[in-house]
Amino acid sequence: MTGSLEPLDQAIVQELAADGRRSFTDLAERVGLSVSAVHQRVRRLEQRGVILGYTARLDGEQIGLPLTALISLTPNDPAAPDDYPQRLEHIKEIESCYSVAGDESYILLVRVASPLGLEDLLRRIRESAKVSTRTTVVLSTPFEGRSPTL
């Protein structure tokens, strides 16, 4: 079953998307099931890959990574194998890697401490992946990490 969820599973997923730390008791009350039924459904949603994991969202300013940027990658050699994610996965400043349609092949979301840190990161990306880059520096983030509406 791809692309759709039963209404109860959809309600559970929506509640967890709003607050991934909800207890099974709280979830059960919110969706009208027993605690054990909710626990079983959550475990099944995790096993099916609907729920990919649980994370803490961190404030970049407060953890010393105030500069966010989007880096578009274009291959230097269009005939080269498309293995850029594997070439870049060791670079910890890359938070997300998106394969995209258009002139670029990938867009990276990165967080660094300073403009100098971004310059160093760009050098490492270019050397590791043999790509040219186009960088957009984020000035502010009105919202981020929103869950999809089900």
C-alpha atoms as a PDB file:
ATOM      1  CA  MET A   1       0.000   0.000   0.000  1.00  0.00           C
ATOM      2  CA  THR A   2       1.750   3.126  -1.206  1.00  0.00           C
ATOM      3  CA  GLY A   3       0.686   6.725  -0.986  1.00  0.00           C
ATOM      4  CA  SER A   4      -2.231   6.446   1.421  1.00  0.00           C
ATOM      5  CA  LEU A   5      -2.793   5.751   5.089  1.00  0.00           C
ATOM      6  CA  GLU A   6      -5.772   4.503   7.010  1.00  0.00           C
ATOM      7  CA  PRO A   7      -7.518   7.389   8.821  1.00  0.00           C
ATOM      8  CA  LEU A   8      -6.278   6.236  12.267  1.00  0.00           C
ATOM      9  CA  ASP A   9      -2.690   5.882  11.059  1.00  0.00           C
ATOM     10  CA  GLN A  10      -2.989   9.278   9.395  1.00  0.00           C
ATOM     11  CA  ALA A  11      -4.169  10.799  12.699  1.00  0.00           C
ATOM     12  CA  ILE A  12      -1.270   9.183  14.574  1.00  0.00           C
ATOM     13  CA  VAL A  13       1.277  10.403  12.026  1.00  0.00           C
ATOM     14  CA  GLN A  14      -0.172  13.913  12.112  1.00  0.00           C
ATOM     15  CA  GLU A  15       0.031  14.009  15.935  1.00  0.00           C
ATOM     16  CA  LEU A  16       3.633  12.752  15.912  1.00  0.00           C
ATOM     17  CA  ALA A  17       4.575  15.245  13.194  1.00  0.00           C
ATOM     18  CA  ALA A  18       3.295  18.040  15.421  1.00  0.00           C
ATOM     19  CA  ASP A  19       5.178  16.680  18.460  1.00  0.00           C
ATOM     20  CA  GLY A  20       7.428  13.652  18.079  1.00  0.00           C
ATOM     21  CA  ARG A  21       7.762  13.407  21.871  1.00  0.00           C
ATOM     22  CA  ARG A  22       4.079  12.666  22.511  1.00  0.00           C
ATOM     23  CA  SER A  23       3.615   9.709  24.826  1.00  0.00           C
ATOM     24  CA  PHE A  24       1.640   6.672  23.737  1.00  0.00           C
ATOM     25  CA  THR A  25      -0.927   7.602  26.400  1.00  0.00           C
ATOM     26  CA  ASP A  26      -1.327  11.095  24.947  1.00  0.00           C
ATOM     27  CA  LEU A  27      -1.510   9.703  21.402  1.00  0.00           C
ATOM     28  CA  ALA A  28      -4.131   7.158  22.454  1.00  0.00           C
ATOM     29  CA  GLU A  29      -6.309   9.903  23.981  1.00  0.00           C
ATOM     30  CA  ARG A  30      -5.958  12.122  20.920  1.00  0.00           C
ATOM     31  CA  VAL A  31      -6.861   9.428  18.348  1.00  0.00           C
ATOM     32  CA  GLY A  32      -9.347   7.429  20.410  1.00  0.00           C
ATOM     33  CA  LEU A  33      -7.491   4.104  20.689  1.00  0.00           C
ATOM     34  CA  SER A  34      -6.005   2.080  23.516  1.00  0.00           C
ATOM     35  CA  VAL A  35      -2.368   2.650  24.428  1.00  0.00           C
ATOM     36  CA  SER A  36      -1.404  -0.835  23.208  1.00  0.00           C
ATOM     37  CA  ALA A  37      -3.197  -0.322  19.864  1.00  0.00           C
ATOM     38  CA  VAL A  38      -1.390   2.987  19.337  1.00  0.00           C
ATOM     39  CA  HIS A  39       1.943   1.378  20.260  1.00  0.00           C
ATOM     40  CA  GLN A  40       1.358  -1.410  17.700  1.00  0.00           C
ATOM     41  CA  ARG A  41       0.357   1.056  14.984  1.00  0.00           C
ATOM     42  CA  VAL A  42       3.370   3.302  15.609  1.00  0.00           C
ATOM     43  CA  ARG A  43       5.713   0.311  15.510  1.00  0.00           C
ATOM     44  CA  ARG A  44       4.105  -0.830  12.228  1.00  0.00           C
ATOM     45  CA  LEU A  45       4.408   2.702  10.765  1.00  0.00           C
ATOM     46  CA  GLU A  46       8.103   2.696  11.698  1.00  0.00           C
ATOM     47  CA  GLN A  47       8.642  -0.746  10.140  1.00  0.00           C
ATOM     48  CA  ARG A  48       6.895   0.318   6.912  1.00  0.00           C
ATOM     49  CA  GLY A  49       9.118   3.386   6.684  1.00  0.00           C
ATOM     50  CA  VAL A  50       6.271   5.878   7.050  1.00  0.00           C
ATOM     51  CA  ILE A  51       7.943   7.208  10.209  1.00  0.00           C
ATOM     52  CA  LEU A  52      11.632   7.551   9.381  1.00  0.00           C
ATOM     53  CA  GLY A  53      12.855   8.667  12.793  1.00  0.00           C
ATOM     54  CA  TYR A  54      12.620  11.222  15.565  1.00  0.00           C
ATOM     55  CA  THR A  55      14.929  14.210  15.876  1.00  0.00           C
ATOM     56  CA  ALA A  56      15.470  17.351  17.897  1.00  0.00           C
ATOM     57  CA  ARG A  57      15.382  20.588  15.905  1.00  0.00           C
ATOM     58  CA  LEU A  58      18.265  22.825  16.951  1.00  0.00           C
ATOM     59  CA  ASP A  59      18.713  26.594  16.774  1.00  0.00           C
ATOM     60  CA  GLY A  60      21.738  27.231  14.537  1.00  0.00           C
ATOM     61  CA  GLU A  61      22.522  30.537  16.261  1.00  0.00           C
ATOM     62  CA  GLN A  62      22.691  28.956  19.699  1.00  0.00           C
ATOM     63  CA  ILE A  63      24.843  25.995  18.658  1.00  0.00           C
ATOM     64  CA  GLY A  64      27.397  28.128  16.824  1.00  0.00           C
ATOM     65  CA  LEU A  65      26.187  27.534  13.242  1.00  0.00           C
ATOM     66  CA  PRO A  66      24.367  30.774  12.406  1.00  0.00           C
ATOM     67  CA  LEU A  67      25.052  30.778   8.652  1.00  0.00           C
ATOM     68  CA  THR A  68      22.707  28.686   6.500  1.00  0.00           C
ATOM     69  CA  ALA A  69      23.199  28.371   2.749  1.00  0.00           C
ATOM     70  CA  LEU A  70      21.825  26.479  -0.233  1.00  0.00           C
ATOM     71  CA  ILE A  71      24.502  25.187  -2.577  1.00  0.00           C
ATOM     72  CA  SER A  72      23.556  24.091  -6.099  1.00  0.00           C
ATOM     73  CA  LEU A  73      25.852  21.523  -7.735  1.00  0.00           C
ATOM     74  CA  THR A  74      26.529  21.250 -11.460  1.00  0.00           C
ATOM     75  CA  PRO A  75      28.820  18.466 -12.704  1.00  0.00           C
ATOM     76  CA  ASN A  76      32.084  19.611 -14.309  1.00  0.00           C
ATOM     77  CA  ASP A  77      31.814  16.555 -16.576  1.00  0.00           C
ATOM     78  CA  PRO A  78      28.193  15.739 -17.542  1.00  0.00           C
ATOM     79  CA  ALA A  79      29.308  12.200 -18.522  1.00  0.00           C
ATOM     80  CA  ALA A  80      30.696  11.494 -15.023  1.00  0.00           C
ATOM     81  CA  PRO A  81      28.800   8.975 -12.870  1.00  0.00           C
ATOM     82  CA  ASP A  82      26.042  10.450 -10.706  1.00  0.00           C
ATOM     83  CA  ASP A  83      27.592   9.506  -7.352  1.00  0.00           C
ATOM     84  CA  TYR A  84      27.739  12.963  -5.772  1.00  0.00           C
ATOM     85  CA  PRO A  85      25.801  12.052  -2.611  1.00  0.00           C
ATOM     86  CA  GLN A  86      28.300   9.252  -1.888  1.00  0.00           C
ATOM     87  CA  ARG A  87      31.224  11.596  -2.545  1.00  0.00           C
ATOM     88  CA  LEU A  88      29.795  14.173  -0.129  1.00  0.00           C
ATOM     89  CA  GLU A  89      28.242  12.122   2.677  1.00  0.00           C
ATOM     90  CA  HIS A  90      31.382  12.464   4.837  1.00  0.00           C
ATOM     91  CA  ILE A  91      31.011  16.272   4.987  1.00  0.00           C
ATOM     92  CA  LYS A  92      29.141  16.908   8.228  1.00  0.00           C
ATOM     93  CA  GLU A  93      28.116  20.508   7.468  1.00  0.00           C
ATOM     94  CA  ILE A  94      25.733  19.207   4.776  1.00  0.00           C
ATOM     95  CA  GLU A  95      22.378  18.847   6.493  1.00  0.00           C
ATOM     96  CA  SER A  96      20.306  17.824   3.443  1.00  0.00           C
ATOM     97  CA  CYS A  97      21.010  16.758  -0.139  1.00  0.00           C
ATOM     98  CA  TYR A  98      18.233  17.044  -2.719  1.00  0.00           C
ATOM     99  CA  SER A  99      18.347  15.594  -6.235  1.00  0.00           C
ATOM    100  CA  VAL A 100      16.626  18.179  -8.437  1.00  0.00           C
ATOM    101  CA  ALA A 101      15.411  18.741 -11.983  1.00  0.00           C
ATOM    102  CA  GLY A 102      16.830  21.666 -13.918  1.00  0.00           C
ATOM    103  CA  ASP A 103      20.311  22.956 -14.681  1.00  0.00           C
ATOM    104  CA  GLU A 104      21.753  21.771 -11.375  1.00  0.00           C
ATOM    105  CA  SER A 105      21.916  18.127 -10.324  1.00  0.00           C
ATOM    106  CA  TYR A 106      21.687  18.573  -6.546  1.00  0.00           C
ATOM    107  CA  ILE A 107      20.969  21.262  -3.993  1.00  0.00           C
ATOM    108  CA  LEU A 108      22.595  21.039  -0.565  1.00  0.00           C
ATOM    109  CA  LEU A 109      21.363  22.665   2.633  1.00  0.00           C
ATOM    110  CA  VAL A 110      24.369  23.519   4.801  1.00  0.00           C
ATOM    111  CA  ARG A 111      25.029  25.211   8.144  1.00  0.00           C
ATOM    112  CA  VAL A 112      28.368  26.736   9.090  1.00  0.00           C
ATOM    113  CA  ALA A 113      29.832  29.087  11.685  1.00  0.00           C
ATOM    114  CA  SER A 114      31.017  31.912   9.417  1.00  0.00           C
ATOM    115  CA  PRO A 115      31.567  33.162   5.862  1.00  0.00           C
ATOM    116  CA  LEU A 116      35.112  31.805   6.115  1.00  0.00           C
ATOM    117  CA  GLY A 117      33.661  28.417   7.113  1.00  0.00           C
ATOM    118  CA  LEU A 118      31.371  28.551   4.063  1.00  0.00           C
ATOM    119  CA  GLU A 119      34.324  29.339   1.811  1.00  0.00           C
ATOM    120  CA  ASP A 120      36.230  26.327   3.179  1.00  0.00           C
ATOM    121  CA  LEU A 121      33.159  24.100   2.827  1.00  0.00           C
ATOM    122  CA  LEU A 122      32.695  25.141  -0.817  1.00  0.00           C
ATOM    123  CA  ARG A 123      36.318  24.237  -1.543  1.00  0.00           C
ATOM    124  CA  ARG A 124      35.883  20.796   0.055  1.00  0.00           C
ATOM    125  CA  ILE A 125      32.639  20.158  -1.849  1.00  0.00           C
ATOM    126  CA  ARG A 126      34.217  21.121  -5.186  1.00  0.00           C
ATOM    127  CA  GLU A 127      37.274  18.933  -4.528  1.00  0.00           C
ATOM    128  CA  SER A 128      35.291  15.915  -3.301  1.00  0.00           C
ATOM    129  CA  ALA A 129      32.593  15.896  -5.975  1.00  0.00           C
ATOM    130  CA  LYS A 130      34.333  17.576  -8.935  1.00  0.00           C
ATOM    131  CA  VAL A 131      31.436  19.997  -9.422  1.00  0.00           C
ATOM    132  CA  SER A 132      30.884  23.704  -9.851  1.00  0.00           C
ATOM    133  CA  THR A 133      28.719  25.397  -7.236  1.00  0.00           C
ATOM    134  CA  ARG A 134      26.264  28.262  -6.993  1.00  0.00           C
ATOM    135  CA  THR A 135      25.582  29.446  -3.460  1.00  0.00           C
ATOM    136  CA  THR A 136      22.602  31.255  -1.953  1.00  0.00           C
ATOM    137  CA  VAL A 137      23.074  32.538   1.596  1.00  0.00           C
ATOM    138  CA  VAL A 138      19.948  32.461   3.768  1.00  0.00           C
ATOM    139  CA  LEU A 139      19.251  35.842   5.412  1.00  0.00           C
ATOM    140  CA  SER A 140      16.411  34.684   7.667  1.00  0.00           C
ATOM    141  CA  THR A 141      14.130  31.678   8.085  1.00  0.00           C
ATOM    142  CA  PRO A 142      10.487  32.649   8.655  1.00  0.00           C
ATOM    143  CA  PHE A 143       9.637  28.925   8.970  1.00  0.00           C
ATOM    144  CA  GLU A 144      11.382  25.613   8.427  1.00  0.00           C
ATOM    145  CA  GLY A 145      10.837  21.891   8.898  1.00  0.00           C
ATOM    146  CA  ARG A 146       7.069  21.993   8.507  1.00  0.00           C
ATOM    147  CA  SER A 147       5.369  18.639   8.268  1.00  0.00           C
ATOM    148  CA  PRO A 148       3.247  17.891   5.212  1.00  0.00           C
ATOM    149  CA  THR A 149      -0.505  18.228   5.560  1.00  0.00           C
ATOM    150  CA  LEU A 150      -2.148  14.805   5.389  1.00  0.00           C
END
